[in-house]
Protein backbone atom coordinates (compact mmCIF):
# COMPACT_ATOMS: atom_id res chain seq x y z
CA UNK A 1 80.34 12.50 14.14
CA UNK A 2 81.08 9.27 15.92
CA UNK A 3 80.51 5.69 14.85
CA UNK A 4 81.24 3.56 11.84
CA UNK A 5 79.24 4.87 8.93
CA UNK A 6 77.87 2.15 6.62
CA UNK A 7 75.80 4.43 4.41
CA UNK A 8 75.55 8.17 4.84
CA UNK A 9 72.23 9.59 3.76
CA UNK A 10 72.35 13.10 5.11
CA UNK A 11 75.27 15.00 6.49
CA UNK A 12 75.13 18.69 5.72
CA UNK A 13 77.59 19.56 8.49
CA UNK A 14 76.32 23.14 8.42
CA UNK A 15 74.64 24.14 11.66
CA UNK A 16 71.18 25.47 11.09
CA UNK A 17 71.33 27.41 14.33
CA UNK A 18 74.68 29.04 14.85
CA UNK A 19 75.85 32.41 16.26
CA UNK A 20 73.11 34.96 15.91
CA UNK A 21 70.48 32.34 15.16
CA UNK A 22 66.97 33.76 15.48
CA UNK A 23 65.83 30.62 17.29
CA UNK A 24 67.88 31.64 20.33
CA UNK A 25 65.56 32.95 23.04
CA UNK A 26 66.54 35.87 25.28
CA UNK A 27 66.75 35.41 29.03
CA UNK A 28 63.84 37.80 29.67
CA UNK A 29 60.32 36.38 29.87
CA UNK A 30 59.14 35.75 26.31
CA UNK A 31 55.48 36.24 27.10
CA UNK A 32 55.95 39.64 28.75
CA UNK A 33 58.13 40.94 25.93
CA UNK A 34 55.73 39.67 23.31
CA UNK A 35 52.65 41.17 24.96
CA UNK A 36 54.34 44.55 25.48
CA UNK A 37 55.44 44.64 21.87
CA UNK A 38 51.93 43.90 20.60
CA UNK A 39 50.32 46.54 22.84
CA UNK A 40 52.87 49.15 21.68
CA UNK A 41 52.23 48.27 18.06
CA UNK A 42 48.45 48.42 18.29
CA UNK A 43 48.02 51.43 20.57
CA UNK A 44 51.11 53.39 19.68
CA UNK A 45 53.35 55.32 22.09
CA UNK A 46 51.47 58.55 22.59
CA UNK A 47 49.10 60.18 25.03
CA UNK A 48 46.07 58.66 23.27
CA UNK A 49 47.43 55.23 23.96
CA UNK A 50 47.83 55.97 27.65
CA UNK A 51 44.30 57.40 27.91
CA UNK A 52 42.73 54.41 26.13
CA UNK A 53 44.67 51.89 28.19
CA UNK A 54 43.65 53.73 31.37
CA UNK A 55 39.99 53.54 30.39
CA UNK A 56 40.13 49.87 29.38
CA UNK A 57 42.65 48.62 31.83
CA UNK A 58 45.74 46.75 30.66
CA UNK A 59 44.31 43.32 31.38
CA UNK A 60 41.06 44.06 29.45
CA UNK A 61 43.04 45.39 26.49
CA UNK A 62 45.23 42.29 26.42
CA UNK A 63 42.16 40.07 26.71
CA UNK A 64 40.62 41.74 23.67
CA UNK A 65 43.85 41.38 21.70
CA UNK A 66 44.24 37.71 22.66
CA UNK A 67 40.92 36.93 20.99
CA UNK A 68 42.71 37.68 17.72
CA UNK A 69 46.31 36.79 18.63
CA UNK A 70 46.68 33.48 20.58
CA UNK A 71 49.61 34.38 22.81
CA UNK A 72 49.66 30.97 24.50
CA UNK A 73 50.06 29.15 21.19
CA UNK A 74 52.80 31.51 20.10
CA UNK A 75 54.62 31.07 23.42
CA UNK A 76 54.33 27.29 23.13
CA UNK A 77 55.85 27.50 19.68
CA UNK A 78 58.67 29.60 21.09
CA UNK A 79 59.37 26.86 23.61
CA UNK A 80 60.02 24.41 20.77
CA UNK A 81 62.52 26.73 19.08
CA UNK A 82 65.25 26.75 21.71
CA UNK A 83 68.67 26.12 20.27
CA UNK A 84 69.67 22.43 20.42
CA UNK A 85 72.57 21.72 22.75
CA UNK A 86 73.99 19.24 20.23
CA UNK A 87 73.42 19.90 16.55
CA UNK A 88 75.32 17.15 14.72
CA UNK A 89 73.68 13.79 15.33
CA UNK A 90 74.16 10.23 14.09
CA UNK A 91 71.02 8.09 13.85
CA UNK A 92 70.98 4.41 12.94
CA UNK A 93 68.22 2.75 10.99
CA UNK A 94 67.40 -0.62 9.43
CA UNK A 95 66.24 -0.39 5.79
CA UNK A 96 62.71 -1.69 6.26
CA UNK A 97 59.33 -0.05 5.72
CA UNK A 98 59.02 0.72 9.43
CA UNK A 99 61.81 3.34 9.13
CA UNK A 100 59.71 5.52 6.80
CA UNK A 101 59.19 8.41 9.30
CA UNK A 102 62.96 8.80 9.81
CA UNK A 103 63.68 8.66 6.10
CA UNK A 104 60.91 11.11 5.23
CA UNK A 105 62.09 13.47 7.99
CA UNK A 106 65.48 13.54 6.29
CA UNK A 107 64.06 13.87 2.77
CA UNK A 108 61.70 16.70 3.66
CA UNK A 109 64.37 18.66 5.56
CA UNK A 110 62.50 18.37 8.89
CA UNK A 111 65.65 17.70 10.88
CA UNK A 112 67.30 20.78 9.38
CA UNK A 113 64.14 22.79 10.05
CA UNK A 114 64.40 21.77 13.71
CA UNK A 115 67.99 23.04 13.89
CA UNK A 116 69.68 19.65 13.55
CA UNK A 117 72.36 18.27 11.23
CA UNK A 118 71.46 14.58 11.09
CA UNK A 119 73.39 11.74 9.49
CA UNK A 120 71.26 8.63 8.95
CA UNK A 121 73.30 5.44 8.91
CA UNK A 122 71.97 2.30 7.25
CA UNK A 123 72.71 -0.52 9.68
CA UNK A 124 72.87 -4.29 8.96
CA UNK A 125 71.00 -5.68 12.00
CA UNK A 126 69.35 -5.12 15.35
CA UNK A 127 72.27 -6.38 17.40
CA UNK A 128 74.45 -3.76 15.72
CA UNK A 129 71.86 -1.07 16.51
CA UNK A 130 71.86 -2.21 20.16
CA UNK A 131 75.64 -2.22 20.43
CA UNK A 132 76.14 1.15 18.78
CA UNK A 133 73.51 2.74 20.99
CA UNK A 134 75.18 1.24 24.06
CA UNK A 135 78.61 2.54 23.00
CA UNK A 136 77.28 5.99 22.15
CA UNK A 137 78.16 5.66 18.46
CA UNK A 138 74.54 6.48 17.71
CA UNK A 139 72.79 9.41 19.37
CA UNK A 140 69.42 7.84 18.51
CA UNK A 141 68.16 4.90 16.52
CA UNK A 142 65.30 3.12 14.86
CA UNK A 143 64.71 0.12 17.19
CA UNK A 144 62.33 -2.75 17.68
CA UNK A 145 59.91 -1.39 20.27
CA UNK A 146 60.71 -4.04 22.95
CA UNK A 147 64.45 -3.32 22.74
CA UNK A 148 64.55 -0.28 25.08
CA UNK A 149 62.78 -2.45 27.69
CA UNK A 150 65.23 -5.36 27.35
CA UNK A 151 68.23 -3.00 27.31
CA UNK A 152 67.00 -1.05 30.35
CA UNK A 153 66.32 -4.26 32.26
CA UNK A 154 69.74 -5.69 31.40
CA UNK A 155 68.33 -8.87 29.84
CA UNK A 156 69.91 -8.09 26.48
CA UNK A 157 73.38 -6.86 27.41
CA UNK A 158 74.50 -4.67 30.32
CA UNK A 159 71.69 -2.69 31.95
CA UNK A 160 71.49 0.88 30.66
CA UNK A 161 68.48 3.19 30.70
CA UNK A 162 67.00 3.74 27.23
CA UNK A 163 63.83 5.58 26.32
CA UNK A 164 61.26 4.54 23.76
CA UNK A 165 60.48 8.08 22.61
CA UNK A 166 58.04 7.27 19.81
CA UNK A 167 56.49 4.36 18.00
CA UNK A 168 57.71 4.27 14.40
CA UNK A 169 54.87 2.18 12.97
CA UNK A 170 51.87 0.05 13.84
CA UNK A 171 50.87 -3.14 11.98
CA UNK A 172 53.09 -3.63 8.94
CA UNK A 173 54.19 -7.25 9.36
CA UNK A 174 52.98 -10.63 8.10
CA UNK A 175 53.42 -14.35 8.49
CA UNK A 176 54.78 -15.67 5.20
CA UNK A 177 55.05 -19.40 4.36
CA UNK A 178 57.01 -21.15 1.65
CA UNK A 179 54.95 -21.85 -1.48
CA UNK A 180 55.19 -25.61 -0.88
CA UNK A 181 53.08 -25.21 2.28
CA UNK A 182 49.92 -23.91 0.59
CA UNK A 183 48.10 -27.03 1.75
CA UNK A 184 49.21 -26.57 5.39
CA UNK A 185 47.50 -23.34 6.37
CA UNK A 186 46.30 -24.61 9.76
CA UNK A 187 48.97 -23.85 12.41
CA UNK A 188 48.18 -27.20 14.02
CA UNK A 189 50.01 -28.69 11.02
CA UNK A 190 53.16 -26.64 11.59
CA UNK A 191 54.89 -28.96 14.04
CA UNK A 192 58.48 -29.39 12.95
CA UNK A 193 58.52 -26.09 11.01
CA UNK A 194 61.42 -23.64 11.26
CA UNK A 195 60.48 -19.95 11.40
CA UNK A 196 62.55 -16.80 11.16
CA UNK A 197 62.03 -13.64 13.20
CA UNK A 198 64.28 -10.57 13.10
CA UNK A 199 65.38 -10.59 16.78
CA UNK A 200 64.42 -12.28 20.06
CA UNK A 201 63.25 -8.99 21.60
CA UNK A 202 60.76 -8.10 18.89
CA UNK A 203 57.03 -7.88 18.37
CA UNK A 204 57.61 -10.34 15.53
CA UNK A 205 58.77 -13.01 17.96
CA UNK A 206 56.02 -12.30 20.48
CA UNK A 207 53.21 -12.20 17.88
CA UNK A 208 54.41 -15.38 16.16
CA UNK A 209 54.63 -17.22 19.49
CA UNK A 210 51.18 -15.90 20.48
CA UNK A 211 49.60 -17.01 17.22
CA UNK A 212 51.13 -20.48 17.27
CA UNK A 213 50.36 -21.07 20.96
CA UNK A 214 46.69 -20.08 20.48
CA UNK A 215 46.50 -22.98 18.02
CA UNK A 216 47.75 -25.41 20.68
CA UNK A 217 51.28 -25.65 19.25
CA UNK A 218 54.15 -24.99 21.69
CA UNK A 219 56.54 -22.47 20.09
CA UNK A 220 59.41 -23.73 22.29
CA UNK A 221 59.11 -27.47 21.66
CA UNK A 222 56.95 -28.03 18.56
CA UNK A 223 58.63 -25.60 16.15
CA UNK A 224 62.00 -23.89 15.83
CA UNK A 225 62.10 -20.08 15.95
CA UNK A 226 65.43 -18.45 15.14
CA UNK A 227 66.70 -14.92 14.59
CA UNK A 228 67.39 -14.20 10.91
CA UNK A 229 68.36 -10.80 9.46
CA UNK A 230 65.29 -9.71 7.45
CA UNK A 231 67.23 -9.24 4.17
CA UNK A 232 68.19 -12.95 4.32
CA UNK A 233 64.71 -14.31 4.96
CA UNK A 234 63.50 -14.61 1.35
CA UNK A 235 66.72 -16.38 0.28
CA UNK A 236 66.46 -18.80 3.22
CA UNK A 237 62.80 -19.47 2.38
CA UNK A 238 63.77 -20.22 -1.22
CA UNK A 239 66.63 -22.49 -0.12
CA UNK A 240 64.36 -24.48 2.21
CA UNK A 241 66.17 -23.32 5.35
CA UNK A 242 62.97 -21.69 6.59
CA UNK A 243 59.39 -22.90 6.33
CA UNK A 244 58.13 -19.43 7.08
CA UNK A 245 58.86 -16.17 8.80
CA UNK A 246 57.19 -13.33 10.59
CA UNK A 247 59.04 -10.39 9.14
CA UNK A 248 58.88 -6.67 8.60
CA UNK A 249 58.21 -5.39 5.11
CA UNK A 250 59.20 -5.41 2.34
CA UNK A 251 60.29 -9.04 2.68
CA UNK A 252 56.82 -10.60 2.88
CA UNK A 253 55.84 -8.89 -0.35
CA UNK A 254 59.22 -9.70 -1.93
CA UNK A 255 58.60 -13.42 -1.27
CA UNK A 256 55.31 -13.08 -3.16
CA UNK A 257 56.92 -11.12 -6.00
CA UNK A 258 59.68 -13.69 -6.39
CA UNK A 259 57.20 -16.57 -6.34
CA UNK A 260 58.80 -18.33 -3.36
CA UNK A 261 56.18 -17.68 -0.68
CA UNK A 262 52.68 -16.50 0.14
CA UNK A 263 51.25 -14.22 2.81
CA UNK A 264 49.43 -16.44 5.31
CA UNK A 265 48.07 -13.50 7.27
CA UNK A 266 48.87 -9.91 8.18
CA UNK A 267 49.79 -9.28 11.81
CA UNK A 268 46.96 -6.74 11.98
CA UNK A 269 44.72 -9.84 11.91
CA UNK A 270 46.33 -10.95 15.17
CA UNK A 271 46.23 -7.52 16.84
CA UNK A 272 45.01 -4.57 14.81
CA UNK A 273 47.02 -1.51 15.74
CA UNK A 274 49.86 -3.37 17.41
CA UNK A 275 53.16 -1.48 17.86
CA UNK A 276 56.17 -2.62 15.90
CA UNK A 277 59.29 -0.48 15.63
CA UNK A 278 60.22 2.56 17.67
CA UNK A 279 62.59 5.49 18.03
CA UNK A 280 65.01 5.41 20.96
CA UNK A 281 67.67 7.43 22.75
CA UNK A 282 69.70 6.78 25.88
CA UNK A 283 67.96 8.32 28.86
CA UNK A 284 71.10 10.30 29.69
CA UNK A 285 70.93 11.90 26.22
CA UNK A 286 67.39 13.17 26.85
CA UNK A 287 68.50 14.57 30.23
CA UNK A 288 71.74 16.17 29.02
CA UNK A 289 70.38 17.62 25.76
CA UNK A 290 66.67 18.28 26.33
CA UNK A 291 66.35 20.85 23.52
CA UNK A 292 68.01 18.50 21.02
CA UNK A 293 65.75 15.69 22.24
CA UNK A 294 62.59 17.77 21.70
CA UNK A 295 63.81 18.94 18.31
CA UNK A 296 64.31 15.32 17.26
CA UNK A 297 60.83 14.36 18.43
CA UNK A 298 59.30 17.32 16.63
CA UNK A 299 60.92 16.39 13.32
CA UNK A 300 60.00 12.69 13.51
CA UNK A 301 56.44 13.41 14.61
CA UNK A 302 55.94 15.79 11.68
CA UNK A 303 57.21 13.10 9.32
CA UNK A 304 54.96 10.47 10.94
CA UNK A 305 51.94 12.75 10.48
CA UNK A 306 52.77 12.99 6.77
CA UNK A 307 53.29 9.25 6.30
CA UNK A 308 50.18 8.48 8.37
CA UNK A 309 47.91 10.09 5.77
CA UNK A 310 46.64 7.61 3.18
CA UNK A 311 46.78 10.20 0.40
CA UNK A 312 50.58 10.44 0.82
CA UNK A 313 51.34 6.73 0.81
CA UNK A 314 51.98 6.30 -2.92
CA UNK A 315 54.35 9.27 -2.83
CA UNK A 316 56.15 7.83 0.19
CA UNK A 317 56.58 4.47 -1.54
CA UNK A 318 58.16 6.07 -4.58
CA UNK A 319 60.40 8.33 -2.50
CA UNK A 320 61.94 5.39 -0.66
CA UNK A 321 62.93 3.17 -3.57
CA UNK A 322 66.45 4.61 -3.85
CA UNK A 323 69.51 2.52 -2.81
CA UNK A 324 70.28 4.87 0.07
CA UNK A 325 66.82 4.28 1.51
CA UNK A 326 64.97 0.96 1.11
CA UNK A 327 66.46 -0.06 -2.24
CA UNK A 328 63.35 -1.96 -3.33
CA UNK A 329 61.13 -2.03 -6.44
CA UNK A 330 58.50 0.70 -6.54
CA UNK A 331 55.69 -1.82 -7.13
CA UNK A 332 56.63 -3.76 -3.98
CA UNK A 333 56.71 -0.64 -1.80
CA UNK A 334 53.49 0.64 -3.37
CA UNK A 335 51.73 -2.64 -2.44
CA UNK A 336 52.92 -2.26 1.17
CA UNK A 337 52.30 1.42 1.79
CA UNK A 338 48.94 1.62 -0.02
CA UNK A 339 47.73 -1.80 1.15
CA UNK A 340 46.69 -2.91 -2.32
CA UNK A 341 48.57 -6.17 -2.75
CA UNK A 342 48.69 -9.73 -4.10
CA UNK A 343 48.99 -12.50 -1.52
CA UNK A 344 50.82 -15.16 -3.56
CA UNK A 345 47.77 -17.42 -3.53
CA UNK A 346 46.04 -15.79 -6.46
CA UNK A 347 44.16 -13.32 -4.29
CA UNK A 348 44.33 -9.54 -4.18
CA UNK A 349 43.55 -7.38 -1.16
CA UNK A 350 42.91 -3.75 -0.27
CA UNK A 351 44.01 -3.13 3.32
CA UNK A 352 44.82 0.60 3.75
CA UNK A 353 46.04 -0.05 7.31
CA UNK A 354 48.30 -2.94 6.32
CA UNK A 355 50.96 -0.63 7.75
CA UNK A 356 50.27 2.57 9.67
CA UNK A 357 52.30 5.26 11.39
CA UNK A 358 50.83 6.26 14.76
CA UNK A 359 53.82 7.42 16.83
CA UNK A 360 52.11 7.53 20.27
CA UNK A 361 54.19 5.46 22.75
CA UNK A 362 51.44 4.23 25.06
CA UNK A 363 52.98 2.69 28.22
CA UNK A 364 50.27 0.01 28.11
CA UNK A 365 52.01 -1.32 25.00
CA UNK A 366 55.15 -1.74 27.10
CA UNK A 367 53.18 -3.61 29.76
CA UNK A 368 51.98 -6.09 27.14
CA UNK A 369 55.55 -6.65 25.91
CA UNK A 370 56.73 -7.28 29.46
CA UNK A 371 54.04 -9.94 29.93
CA UNK A 372 55.29 -11.75 26.83
CA UNK A 373 58.93 -11.46 27.90
CA UNK A 374 57.94 -13.13 31.15
CA UNK A 375 55.65 -15.66 29.46
CA UNK A 376 58.49 -17.04 27.32
CA UNK A 377 61.25 -16.92 29.92
CA UNK A 378 63.14 -13.85 28.69
CA UNK A 379 62.33 -12.09 31.95
CA UNK A 380 62.77 -14.34 34.98
CA UNK A 381 62.17 -11.92 37.85
CA UNK A 382 59.01 -10.29 39.09
CA UNK A 383 58.69 -6.68 37.97
CA UNK A 384 56.52 -3.66 38.51
CA UNK A 385 55.04 -3.66 35.02
CA UNK A 386 53.57 -0.17 35.05
CA UNK A 387 56.55 1.51 36.66
CA UNK A 388 58.98 0.06 34.12
CA UNK A 389 56.71 0.71 31.16
CA UNK A 390 56.20 4.35 32.13
CA UNK A 391 59.92 4.86 32.69
CA UNK A 392 60.74 3.55 29.22
CA UNK A 393 57.72 4.52 27.09
CA UNK A 394 58.02 8.31 27.34
CA UNK A 395 54.53 9.43 26.43
CA UNK A 396 54.68 12.52 28.68
CA UNK A 397 57.77 13.85 26.89
CA UNK A 398 56.13 13.82 23.48
CA UNK A 399 52.49 14.36 24.42
CA UNK A 400 52.18 18.04 23.50
CA UNK A 401 54.00 17.62 20.19
CA UNK A 402 51.86 14.59 19.36
CA UNK A 403 48.63 16.47 20.12
CA UNK A 404 49.78 19.44 18.04
CA UNK A 405 50.33 17.04 15.12
CA UNK A 406 46.79 15.68 15.47
CA UNK A 407 47.47 12.37 17.22
CA UNK A 408 45.21 11.14 20.00
CA UNK A 409 47.26 10.58 23.17
CA UNK A 410 44.56 9.70 25.69
CA UNK A 411 43.19 6.34 26.68
CA UNK A 412 46.55 4.86 27.66
CA UNK A 413 44.86 1.81 29.14
CA UNK A 414 43.00 0.79 26.02
CA UNK A 415 41.91 -2.84 26.11
CA UNK A 416 42.92 -4.31 22.75
CA UNK A 417 41.51 -7.67 21.75
CA UNK A 418 44.29 -9.96 20.59
CA UNK A 419 42.96 -13.12 18.92
CA UNK A 420 39.79 -12.96 20.98
CA UNK A 421 41.51 -12.32 24.32
CA UNK A 422 41.20 -8.87 25.93
CA UNK A 423 44.38 -7.36 27.32
CA UNK A 424 43.89 -5.27 30.46
CA UNK A 425 47.08 -3.37 31.29
CA UNK A 426 45.84 -2.90 34.86
CA UNK A 427 45.97 -6.68 35.47
CA UNK A 428 49.11 -8.01 33.78
CA UNK A 429 49.66 -11.00 36.07
CA UNK A 430 46.06 -12.21 35.61
CA UNK A 431 46.49 -11.86 31.86
CA UNK A 432 49.74 -13.79 31.97
CA UNK A 433 48.23 -16.58 34.06
CA UNK A 434 45.38 -17.03 31.59
CA UNK A 435 47.61 -18.67 28.97
CA UNK A 436 47.67 -22.48 28.87
CA UNK A 437 50.99 -22.56 26.97
CA UNK A 438 53.83 -20.61 28.53
CA UNK A 439 57.38 -21.30 29.57
CA UNK A 440 57.31 -19.77 33.03
């Protein structure tokens, strides 16, 4: 496999589907062969069979059989079992709670089950993820969900088409402040503060800016917001280099555990159900290896369905403590995944949706991200919001697999309420113009 490997988690290097693999489909029509085989089995190959079929009619006989045997479902399953064009894959991830579906897919053998030999590579930061995706060192990667937009638009490096195949997680972040600021909970008192976010093109940056601006504080001129690798945030908070951060987990909870910070609020209290991280491939990869692409989606969606269930969260937390995965204390991960946690202020909370794992990549989410890119000057030109969002957020590619896994894929143009303001994806410019504080 290509690319510099920091940490190898899986790497069986034994093709699941090789010569003679039963997943290989013949060239003949699968449905016709399947129906003929079933009719032969049920009615036999004798004169009685011919007489009965003549009386019933072939179509009536098949209709009766299909009431018991759902041919359409079996055929659809057959469509997902085509041999991947590329079996050995390298996938980058950042060791944060958002990566749980990828890690669980590897642990449960779901990639192997889909005919793939996947090597997961622990990666130090988002810029490295971006660069390795651009160079082709990674076939796919765990990304911040706005990154495929910024990469495709060429506002974060050279323009190259990338797809946001799935959302990795929803919610799952928090604003954490240094313990010394317990008496300064009102954002109006944050002028002069320095905050850390993981990357400029991140929901963390956009949500922090949104929250601060709604309080009348200008995030460009009244505070400093800088990109800080998440593993460094707690140390910088302790050293006084940061007054706070909006970070992925487990670093908010780690600040509480280490007694250096407190959770000011969960990002679900800004926008409940907001997207966070995603799963991305280069668009050319999806075009050149469509069977591999679908196999990847199938494995990650199955893992997301498992992690999504509240009854599995404690198990997930304990599975991911190992150094090769999240390398964090079990009690910290348990607090995050179950939502039963201490806030560092003496309070305890039970928020089962503190982090969730709904993988549906609604294009309307992309439209909201584009409005915030434009609001804060990251995107200078006028754009066709819907066209770009639908090109990057590939709901249609994954829709059938998502439905089969029990996820609701309809209602793309939901109107979420974000801090009291309704977002209508059909009117992005009007939404953008409604903000009193904006750079553009």
